[in-house]
Amino acid sequence: MSLWTRDDAVAATGGVCVKDWQADGVSIDTRSLQKGDIYVALSALLDGHDFIQAAFDKGAAAALVSKIPEGLEDLPLLLVPDVLEGLVALGIAARARCDAKVVAITGSVGKTGSKEMLRCALTGQARLHVAEKSYNNHEGVPLTLARMPADTEIAILEIGMNHPGEIAPLAKMAQPHVAMITTVAAVHLEAFSSVRDIAREKAAIFEGLEPDGIAVLNADLPDFDILKAAAGKNVVTFGKSADFSLKNIEQTRGVTVAQADHKGQNLVFKLNTSGAHLAMNGLAVLAIVDALGADLARAILGLMDWHPPEGRGASYRVLLGPAGMDGAFELVNESYNANPASVNAALTVLAAAKGRKVAILGDMLELGDTGIELHKDIARQESVKKIDIFHCVGPCMAELYGLLPPEKRGLKTNDSTEMLALIARQIKSGDVVMVKGSLGTKMAILVDALKNLGEATSLVQTTGKS
């Protein structure tokens, strides 16, 4: 059965298309487009209409357009007044025709990791449809919905924001049966006057909650009162003292084992990576599973299959010299994003590692007028005492560098390109190296360079269920 027919898409969008077609998918990027997709010619940095021919060359079934370029009149083009509005219309129609239970996840940090944990926890329990990558904005949410097969049983969406007023319309589009907020922290402060305002924006996810829907909240948050007031009557909490209570965490190399309680039921789950903050995300996922009426025992087994994605905690062992004759070091890739909460969590994990602990930190962006002070605050974290050396990238991290004890100061550069030429000589056998920074600081080039110092092998555990 096709995902979209011409007639269904015309009915959903109110558009016009003379030629008949059927499509099996939806794509907004010709680079990842698959044969049989509808190509959605969005125009942001580039005009998607310039790539219509390339989309059909790759096998597109049709294209959603707001104009018909000269010479392409004979192609199956679905003409609408506005392409983004057309995509939204497809998403709304796909949501309306599907009886799936919908989960929406937001939060300052941990959205994508929690979404992928939930995917693992529910695999085998239902027909799932899960948002790809970090598709959580005004384009990503309708795209995820437009891709949703009609026979989906559980859909897992991620909803993000950079500015006030972004979450509510996306939540109303998704109409979740369960909505979860991972945490509220000092992220995107350029657009908000306070963390309390960020909490109010996150709480807007409940504006789309279905009648009798369930809100899943972190009871440990300072701004819990704001979230609870917006959540409605059906609230499930997770935290240190909550409906789902985290009682104990044990961390060994690359493994976290957590013990929790729910209504007197002892829950023990394992994650094949280190991090107390990740255990809290895992607990939140179990709260969602329970809210959906799915099997907690199977979900706990499924969590063992989760591992941090690239740029968000993926770890590698890098052999130095032929066959590792010069030793090896461990590399943790946290280069996708950075904010005070995630940096502090990552440093806590690094501080617990065995070996010489090396932090390579790039600037945290979008923090507004508080940015310098928030970088300085890192120096006051308890974990800093246990980390051996810091290499700092960017003008804001230079502020942190100046507050570090002299023996902890490594390299300091203006940008990652400058650091790239120097960092290799700083790494030794036995080191545990963590690279973290906001995406705009381009810290990923340092990760690639360090992996290329030798043979890099993923440290993902694959034997958790044995």
Protein backbone atom coordinates (compact mmCIF):
# COMPACT_ATOMS: atom_id res chain seq x y z
CA MET A 1 0.00 0.00 0.00
CA SER A 2 1.37 3.38 -0.98
CA LEU A 3 2.03 6.08 1.60
CA TRP A 4 0.43 8.74 -0.59
CA THR A 5 -1.65 8.65 -3.77
CA ARG A 6 -2.13 11.67 -5.98
CA ASP A 7 -5.77 11.95 -4.94
CA ASP A 8 -5.01 11.71 -1.22
CA ALA A 9 -2.29 14.37 -1.45
CA VAL A 10 -4.53 16.68 -3.48
CA ALA A 11 -7.32 16.27 -0.91
CA ALA A 12 -4.93 16.96 1.97
CA THR A 13 -3.27 20.04 0.49
CA GLY A 14 -5.96 21.50 -1.75
CA GLY A 15 -3.34 21.54 -4.48
CA VAL A 16 -3.57 20.81 -8.19
CA CYS A 17 -1.90 17.94 -10.04
CA VAL A 18 -2.94 16.65 -13.46
CA LYS A 19 -0.74 13.58 -13.69
CA ASP A 20 -1.45 10.49 -11.55
CA TRP A 21 1.16 9.03 -9.20
CA GLN A 22 1.74 7.06 -6.01
CA ALA A 23 4.53 7.64 -3.48
CA ASP A 24 6.14 5.51 -0.79
CA GLY A 25 7.94 8.27 1.10
CA VAL A 26 8.49 12.00 1.55
CA SER A 27 11.81 13.84 1.22
CA ILE A 28 12.97 17.45 1.59
CA ASP A 29 16.54 16.76 0.41
CA THR A 30 17.58 15.33 -2.94
CA ARG A 31 20.79 13.99 -1.38
CA SER A 32 18.85 11.50 0.75
CA LEU A 33 15.80 11.11 -1.49
CA GLN A 34 14.76 7.53 -2.24
CA LYS A 35 13.09 6.20 -5.35
CA GLY A 36 9.32 6.64 -5.01
CA ASP A 37 9.46 9.66 -2.66
CA ILE A 38 7.51 12.87 -2.95
CA TYR A 39 10.09 15.64 -3.19
CA VAL A 40 9.07 18.70 -1.16
CA ALA A 41 10.66 21.78 -2.74
CA LEU A 42 11.13 23.86 0.41
CA SER A 43 12.92 27.17 0.12
CA ALA A 44 15.11 28.26 3.02
CA LEU A 45 18.78 28.88 2.35
CA LEU A 46 18.30 27.44 -1.13
CA ASP A 47 15.26 27.33 -3.39
CA GLY A 48 14.14 23.72 -3.55
CA HIS A 49 12.60 24.33 -6.95
CA ASP A 50 16.12 24.45 -8.38
CA PHE A 51 16.50 20.76 -7.53
CA ILE A 52 13.27 19.37 -8.94
CA GLN A 53 14.93 17.80 -11.97
CA ALA A 54 17.61 16.24 -9.75
CA ALA A 55 14.85 14.74 -7.60
CA PHE A 56 13.19 13.10 -10.60
CA ASP A 57 16.55 11.92 -11.89
CA LYS A 58 16.85 10.01 -8.59
CA GLY A 59 13.39 8.48 -9.00
CA ALA A 60 11.01 10.86 -7.25
CA ALA A 61 7.36 9.92 -7.76
CA ALA A 62 6.16 13.52 -7.57
CA ALA A 63 7.13 16.94 -6.26
CA LEU A 64 5.30 19.39 -4.02
CA VAL A 65 5.87 22.86 -5.51
CA SER A 66 4.60 26.43 -5.42
CA LYS A 67 5.69 27.18 -8.98
CA ILE A 68 6.40 25.14 -12.09
CA PRO A 69 9.84 25.87 -13.53
CA GLU A 70 10.12 26.24 -17.28
CA GLY A 71 10.69 22.96 -19.06
CA LEU A 72 9.29 20.81 -16.23
CA GLU A 73 5.60 21.18 -17.08
CA ASP A 74 5.19 17.49 -17.97
CA LEU A 75 6.38 16.20 -14.59
CA PRO A 76 3.94 15.09 -11.85
CA LEU A 77 4.02 18.31 -9.84
CA LEU A 78 1.56 18.98 -7.01
CA LEU A 79 1.07 22.76 -7.12
CA VAL A 80 0.19 24.56 -3.87
CA PRO A 81 0.36 28.25 -2.85
CA ASP A 82 3.08 27.64 -0.26
CA VAL A 83 5.30 24.53 -0.07
CA LEU A 84 5.81 24.57 3.72
CA GLU A 85 2.08 24.98 4.29
CA GLY A 86 1.55 22.10 1.88
CA LEU A 87 3.92 19.91 3.88
CA VAL A 88 2.10 20.88 7.08
CA ALA A 89 -1.19 19.92 5.44
CA LEU A 90 0.22 16.51 4.51
CA GLY A 91 1.38 16.04 8.10
CA ILE A 92 -1.99 16.99 9.55
CA ALA A 93 -3.79 14.66 7.15
CA ALA A 94 -1.44 11.79 7.96
CA ARG A 95 -2.04 12.33 11.67
CA ALA A 96 -5.81 12.40 11.15
CA ARG A 97 -5.98 9.15 9.18
CA CYS A 98 -3.86 7.19 11.68
CA ASP A 99 -5.02 5.65 14.97
CA ALA A 100 -1.52 5.54 16.43
CA LYS A 101 -0.75 6.58 19.97
CA VAL A 102 1.56 9.57 19.60
CA VAL A 103 4.41 10.44 21.96
CA ALA A 104 5.99 13.90 21.81
CA ILE A 105 9.27 14.64 23.57
CA THR A 106 10.76 18.04 24.27
CA GLY A 107 13.31 19.46 26.70
CA SER A 108 16.43 21.60 26.82
CA VAL A 109 18.68 18.56 26.49
CA GLY A 110 18.17 14.84 25.98
CA LYS A 111 15.37 14.95 23.38
CA THR A 112 17.05 12.90 20.68
CA GLY A 113 18.67 10.45 23.10
CA SER A 114 15.37 9.86 24.89
CA LYS A 115 13.54 9.44 21.58
CA GLU A 116 16.02 6.78 20.50
CA MET A 117 15.88 5.08 23.91
CA LEU A 118 12.10 4.90 23.55
CA ARG A 119 12.50 3.40 20.08
CA CYS A 120 14.65 0.63 21.57
CA ALA A 121 12.32 0.13 24.53
CA LEU A 122 9.26 -0.33 22.28
CA THR A 123 10.82 -2.27 19.41
CA GLY A 124 8.88 -5.50 18.98
CA GLN A 125 5.93 -4.24 21.02
CA ALA A 126 4.20 -2.24 18.28
CA ARG A 127 4.52 -0.95 14.73
CA LEU A 128 6.64 2.14 15.34
CA HIS A 129 7.15 5.35 13.41
CA VAL A 130 10.00 7.43 14.82
CA ALA A 131 11.34 10.85 13.87
CA GLU A 132 14.68 10.65 12.09
CA LYS A 133 17.80 12.42 13.35
CA SER A 134 16.82 15.66 15.13
CA TYR A 135 13.84 16.48 12.93
CA ASN A 136 12.08 18.58 15.56
CA ASN A 137 11.36 22.01 14.07
CA HIS A 138 8.71 23.66 11.86
CA GLU A 139 9.86 21.52 8.92
CA GLY A 140 10.91 18.36 10.76
CA VAL A 141 7.69 17.72 12.69
CA PRO A 142 5.32 17.94 9.69
CA LEU A 143 7.80 15.91 7.64
CA THR A 144 7.80 13.16 10.29
CA LEU A 145 4.00 13.14 10.35
CA ALA A 146 3.73 13.15 6.54
CA ARG A 147 5.97 10.06 6.48
CA MET A 148 3.81 8.17 8.99
CA PRO A 149 2.18 5.02 7.57
CA ALA A 150 -1.55 4.72 8.23
CA ASP A 151 -1.07 1.43 10.13
CA THR A 152 1.41 2.88 12.64
CA GLU A 153 0.58 1.86 16.22
CA ILE A 154 2.97 4.13 18.13
CA ALA A 155 4.60 7.30 16.76
CA ILE A 156 7.51 8.97 18.55
CA LEU A 157 8.11 12.64 17.76
CA GLU A 158 10.68 15.15 18.94
CA ILE A 159 9.72 18.82 19.32
CA GLY A 160 12.33 21.54 19.69
CA MET A 161 12.56 25.31 19.69
CA ASN A 162 14.94 28.25 19.41
CA HIS A 163 12.48 31.10 20.04
CA PRO A 164 9.23 31.73 21.91
CA GLY A 165 6.04 30.49 20.31
CA GLU A 166 7.51 27.57 18.37
CA ILE A 167 6.41 24.58 20.44
CA ALA A 168 2.63 25.10 20.71
CA PRO A 169 1.81 24.92 16.96
CA LEU A 170 3.97 21.83 16.55
CA ALA A 171 2.34 20.16 19.54
CA LYS A 172 -1.13 20.97 18.20
CA MET A 173 -0.10 19.42 14.89
CA ALA A 174 1.17 16.25 16.60
CA GLN A 175 -1.75 15.89 19.04
CA PRO A 176 0.21 13.61 21.38
CA HIS A 177 -1.37 11.12 23.75
CA VAL A 178 1.78 11.28 25.90
CA ALA A 179 4.03 14.33 26.14
CA MET A 180 7.31 14.36 28.05
CA ILE A 181 9.72 17.14 29.03
CA THR A 182 13.22 15.82 29.74
CA THR A 183 14.56 18.89 31.54
CA VAL A 184 14.63 22.68 31.50
CA ALA A 185 17.99 24.42 31.39
CA ALA A 186 19.84 27.52 30.23
CA VAL A 187 19.67 26.87 26.48
CA HIS A 188 18.82 29.45 23.76
CA LEU A 189 18.98 32.25 26.32
CA GLU A 190 19.55 34.71 23.48
CA ALA A 191 15.81 34.46 22.83
CA PHE A 192 14.55 34.19 26.42
CA SER A 193 14.92 36.44 29.43
CA SER A 194 15.20 33.62 31.95
CA VAL A 195 15.12 29.86 32.46
CA ARG A 196 11.58 30.30 33.85
CA ASP A 197 10.56 31.63 30.44
CA ILE A 198 12.16 28.62 28.81
CA ALA A 199 10.08 26.41 31.12
CA ARG A 200 6.91 28.19 29.99
CA GLU A 201 7.81 27.58 26.35
CA LYS A 202 8.53 23.90 27.00
CA ALA A 203 5.21 23.60 28.86
CA ALA A 204 3.46 24.74 25.67
CA ILE A 205 3.78 21.14 24.46
CA PHE A 206 0.74 20.37 26.60
CA GLU A 207 -1.40 22.69 24.49
CA GLY A 208 -1.52 19.89 21.93
CA LEU A 209 -2.11 17.04 24.37
CA GLU A 210 -5.11 14.89 23.53
CA PRO A 211 -8.05 14.87 25.97
CA ASP A 212 -7.11 12.54 28.84
CA GLY A 213 -3.52 12.58 27.55
CA ILE A 214 -0.66 12.01 29.97
CA ALA A 215 2.14 14.43 30.83
CA VAL A 216 5.46 12.94 31.94
CA LEU A 217 7.52 15.39 34.01
CA ASN A 218 10.87 15.57 35.76
CA ALA A 219 9.93 16.16 39.41
CA ASP A 220 13.45 17.32 40.30
CA LEU A 221 13.35 20.49 38.20
CA PRO A 222 13.32 23.89 39.94
CA ASP A 223 10.62 24.94 37.46
CA PHE A 224 8.42 21.89 38.04
CA ASP A 225 5.60 24.16 39.26
CA ILE A 226 5.34 25.84 35.85
CA LEU A 227 5.29 22.52 34.01
CA LYS A 228 2.76 20.89 36.33
CA ALA A 229 0.40 23.86 36.14
CA ALA A 230 0.32 23.54 32.36
CA ALA A 231 0.21 19.75 32.21
CA GLY A 232 -3.44 19.06 33.00
CA LYS A 233 -4.92 16.43 35.26
CA ASN A 234 -2.95 13.34 34.20
CA VAL A 235 0.65 13.76 35.35
CA VAL A 236 3.29 11.07 35.83
CA THR A 237 6.59 12.10 37.40
CA PHE A 238 10.12 10.75 37.28
CA GLY A 239 13.08 11.77 39.43
CA LYS A 240 14.72 11.09 42.77
CA SER A 241 11.39 11.13 44.60
CA ALA A 242 8.55 10.62 42.13
CA ASP A 243 6.13 8.13 40.62
CA PHE A 244 9.16 6.60 38.94
CA SER A 245 11.94 7.11 41.51
CA LEU A 246 15.61 6.65 40.75
CA LYS A 247 17.14 4.99 43.81
CA ASN A 248 20.65 3.99 42.82
CA ILE A 249 23.13 4.28 39.95
CA GLU A 250 26.29 2.24 39.45
CA GLN A 251 28.72 3.13 36.69
CA THR A 252 31.58 1.03 35.40
CA ARG A 253 33.56 1.46 32.20
CA GLY A 254 31.01 2.05 29.47
CA VAL A 255 28.02 0.74 31.47
CA THR A 256 25.40 2.32 33.72
CA VAL A 257 23.11 0.18 35.87
CA ALA A 258 20.17 1.95 37.49
CA GLN A 259 17.72 0.79 40.10
CA ALA A 260 14.34 2.48 40.39
CA ASP A 261 10.98 2.05 42.09
CA HIS A 262 7.48 2.36 40.68
CA LYS A 263 4.56 1.69 43.02
CA GLY A 264 6.66 -0.78 44.97
CA GLN A 265 7.92 -2.53 41.83
CA ASN A 266 11.70 -2.78 41.64
CA LEU A 267 12.99 -1.76 38.21
CA VAL A 268 16.61 -2.45 37.28
CA PHE A 269 17.81 -1.37 33.86
CA LYS A 270 21.15 -1.19 32.09
CA LEU A 271 22.53 1.27 29.56
CA ASN A 272 25.60 0.39 27.55
CA THR A 273 27.26 3.74 28.20
CA SER A 274 28.25 5.84 31.21
CA GLY A 275 26.19 8.69 32.61
CA ALA A 276 23.89 9.35 35.55
CA HIS A 277 21.98 11.87 33.42
CA LEU A 278 21.35 9.14 30.85
CA ALA A 279 19.94 6.90 33.57
CA MET A 280 17.40 9.64 34.33
CA ASN A 281 16.45 9.74 30.65
CA GLY A 282 16.06 5.96 30.72
CA LEU A 283 13.75 6.26 33.72
CA ALA A 284 11.66 8.85 31.85
CA VAL A 285 11.38 6.43 28.94
CA LEU A 286 10.05 3.72 31.26
CA ALA A 287 7.46 6.20 32.52
CA ILE A 288 6.36 6.78 28.93
CA VAL A 289 6.21 3.04 28.25
CA ASP A 290 3.98 2.58 31.27
CA ALA A 291 1.77 5.51 30.21
CA LEU A 292 1.31 3.83 26.82
CA GLY A 293 0.29 0.56 28.49
CA ALA A 294 3.26 -1.29 27.01
CA ASP A 295 5.34 -4.00 28.73
CA LEU A 296 7.93 -2.58 31.15
CA ALA A 297 9.94 -5.80 31.36
CA ARG A 298 10.38 -5.94 27.58
CA ALA A 299 11.19 -2.23 27.57
CA ILE A 300 13.98 -2.74 30.12
CA LEU A 301 15.50 -5.42 27.89
CA GLY A 302 15.15 -3.12 24.89
CA LEU A 303 17.05 -0.30 26.61
CA MET A 304 20.17 -2.47 26.44
CA ASP A 305 20.18 -1.96 22.67
CA TRP A 306 20.46 1.81 22.95
CA HIS A 307 23.78 3.57 22.48
CA PRO A 308 24.62 7.27 22.17
CA PRO A 309 24.45 8.57 18.60
CA GLU A 310 27.38 10.18 16.81
CA GLY A 311 28.15 13.57 18.26
CA ARG A 312 26.14 12.91 21.41
CA GLY A 313 28.39 10.61 23.42
CA ALA A 314 29.48 7.93 20.94
CA SER A 315 32.78 6.46 22.17
CA TYR A 316 35.78 4.94 20.39
CA ARG A 317 38.97 3.13 21.24
CA VAL A 318 41.75 4.43 19.03
CA LEU A 319 44.80 2.18 18.60
CA LEU A 320 48.13 3.96 18.20
CA GLY A 321 50.83 2.51 16.00
CA PRO A 322 50.63 -0.74 13.98
CA ALA A 323 48.16 -3.10 15.69
CA GLY A 324 48.16 -0.78 18.69
CA MET A 325 51.79 -1.40 19.57
CA ASP A 326 52.02 2.19 20.86
CA GLY A 327 48.95 1.83 23.06
CA ALA A 328 45.48 3.30 22.71
CA PHE A 329 43.22 6.06 23.97
CA GLU A 330 39.47 6.43 24.38
CA LEU A 331 37.62 9.15 22.49
CA VAL A 332 34.15 10.45 23.39
CA ASN A 333 32.38 12.43 20.68
CA GLU A 334 30.11 15.09 22.19
CA SER A 335 30.59 17.55 19.33
CA TYR A 336 26.96 17.98 18.24
CA ASN A 337 25.83 20.46 20.87
CA ALA A 338 26.76 22.17 24.12
CA ASN A 339 24.98 24.10 26.83
CA PRO A 340 25.65 24.43 30.57
CA ALA A 341 23.56 21.38 31.50
CA SER A 342 25.02 19.06 28.87
CA VAL A 343 28.61 20.23 29.41
CA ASN A 344 28.36 19.67 33.14
CA ALA A 345 26.85 16.22 32.58
CA ALA A 346 29.59 15.28 30.10
CA LEU A 347 32.34 16.49 32.44
CA THR A 348 30.83 14.44 35.27
CA VAL A 349 31.03 11.33 33.10
CA LEU A 350 34.60 12.15 32.07
CA ALA A 351 35.61 12.73 35.70
CA ALA A 352 34.58 9.17 36.57
CA ALA A 353 36.71 7.60 33.82
CA LYS A 354 39.96 5.75 34.41
CA GLY A 355 43.07 7.19 32.80
CA ARG A 356 44.31 10.70 32.14
CA LYS A 357 41.17 12.74 31.60
CA VAL A 358 41.33 15.25 28.74
CA ALA A 359 38.51 17.72 27.98
CA ILE A 360 38.52 19.59 24.66
CA LEU A 361 35.80 22.22 24.97
CA GLY A 362 34.39 24.60 22.37
CA ASP A 363 32.16 27.58 23.02
CA MET A 364 28.54 27.14 24.11
CA LEU A 365 26.51 29.32 21.72
CA GLU A 366 23.13 31.10 21.90
CA LEU A 367 23.44 31.99 25.60
CA GLY A 368 22.92 35.72 25.18
CA ASP A 369 24.23 38.22 27.72
CA THR A 370 24.78 35.49 30.30
CA GLY A 371 27.15 33.52 28.05
CA ILE A 372 30.45 34.62 29.58
CA GLU A 373 29.30 33.97 33.14
CA LEU A 374 27.91 30.56 32.22
CA HIS A 375 31.28 29.61 30.73
CA LYS A 376 33.01 30.79 33.88
CA ASP A 377 30.58 28.74 35.99
CA ILE A 378 32.04 25.55 34.54
CA ALA A 379 35.22 26.17 36.56
CA ARG A 380 33.17 25.85 39.75
CA GLN A 381 31.89 22.36 38.95
CA GLU A 382 33.13 19.58 41.23
CA SER A 383 34.02 17.43 38.22
CA VAL A 384 36.68 19.93 37.11
CA LYS A 385 38.85 18.91 40.06
CA LYS A 386 39.08 15.35 38.69
CA ILE A 387 39.89 16.25 35.08
CA ASP A 388 43.59 16.45 34.28
CA ILE A 389 43.76 18.83 31.35
CA PHE A 390 41.50 21.24 29.45
CA HIS A 391 42.03 22.41 25.87
CA CYS A 392 39.76 25.38 25.14
CA VAL A 393 38.42 26.58 21.80
CA GLY A 394 36.79 29.98 21.27
CA PRO A 395 36.59 33.34 23.02
CA CYS A 396 34.03 32.23 25.60
CA MET A 397 35.92 29.10 26.63
CA ALA A 398 38.98 31.35 26.98
CA GLU A 399 37.16 32.80 30.01
CA LEU A 400 36.97 29.34 31.55
CA TYR A 401 40.62 28.73 30.67
CA GLY A 402 41.66 31.77 32.70
CA LEU A 403 39.97 30.42 35.82
CA LEU A 404 41.52 26.96 35.68
CA PRO A 405 44.51 26.02 37.85
CA PRO A 406 47.71 26.41 35.79
CA GLU A 407 48.38 22.67 35.82
CA LYS A 408 45.03 22.00 34.12
CA ARG A 409 45.55 24.48 31.30
CA GLY A 410 46.38 22.87 27.98
CA LEU A 411 45.97 24.59 24.64
CA LYS A 412 43.83 27.66 24.03
CA THR A 413 42.87 28.64 20.47
CA ASN A 414 40.46 31.01 18.78
CA ASP A 415 38.73 28.31 16.75
CA SER A 416 38.70 24.59 16.02
CA THR A 417 40.76 24.96 12.83
CA GLU A 418 43.60 26.45 14.85
CA MET A 419 43.26 23.67 17.43
CA LEU A 420 43.27 21.09 14.64
CA ALA A 421 46.91 21.81 13.83
CA LEU A 422 48.00 21.32 17.44
CA ILE A 423 45.86 18.76 19.22
CA ALA A 424 47.37 15.50 17.94
CA ARG A 425 50.61 16.03 19.86
CA GLN A 426 48.70 16.45 23.11
CA ILE A 427 47.17 12.96 23.18
CA LYS A 428 48.87 10.05 24.92
CA SER A 429 48.25 6.35 25.31
CA GLY A 430 45.82 5.72 28.16
CA ASP A 431 44.03 9.04 27.78
CA VAL A 432 40.27 9.42 27.89
CA VAL A 433 39.51 12.35 25.59
CA MET A 434 36.14 14.09 25.43
CA VAL A 435 35.37 16.63 22.68
CA LYS A 436 32.37 18.89 23.24
CA GLY A 437 31.07 22.16 21.83
CA SER A 438 28.11 23.74 20.10
CA LEU A 439 27.64 22.62 16.51
CA GLY A 440 28.64 26.06 15.20
CA THR A 441 32.12 25.73 16.75
CA LYS A 442 32.85 22.82 14.36
CA MET A 443 34.42 20.60 17.01
CA ALA A 444 33.61 17.54 14.89
CA ILE A 445 36.74 18.19 12.81
CA LEU A 446 38.79 17.53 15.95
CA VAL A 447 36.94 14.26 16.51
CA ASP A 448 37.73 13.16 12.97
CA ALA A 449 41.38 14.12 13.36
CA LEU A 450 41.73 12.20 16.62
CA LYS A 451 40.05 9.12 15.16
CA ASN A 452 42.53 9.27 12.30
CA LEU A 453 45.50 9.04 14.67
CA GLY A 454 45.10 5.27 14.50
CA GLU A 455 42.54 2.53 14.09
CA ALA A 456 39.26 3.65 15.69
CA THR A 457 36.75 1.06 16.91
CA SER A 458 33.35 1.80 18.39
CA LEU A 459 33.00 0.99 22.07
CA VAL A 460 29.30 0.20 21.74
CA GLN A 461 28.47 -2.87 23.79
CA THR A 462 26.63 -5.55 21.82
CA THR A 463 26.27 -8.30 24.39
CA GLY A 464 23.91 -6.67 26.88
CA LYS A 465 21.26 -9.39 26.61
CA SER A 466 23.50 -12.41 26.77
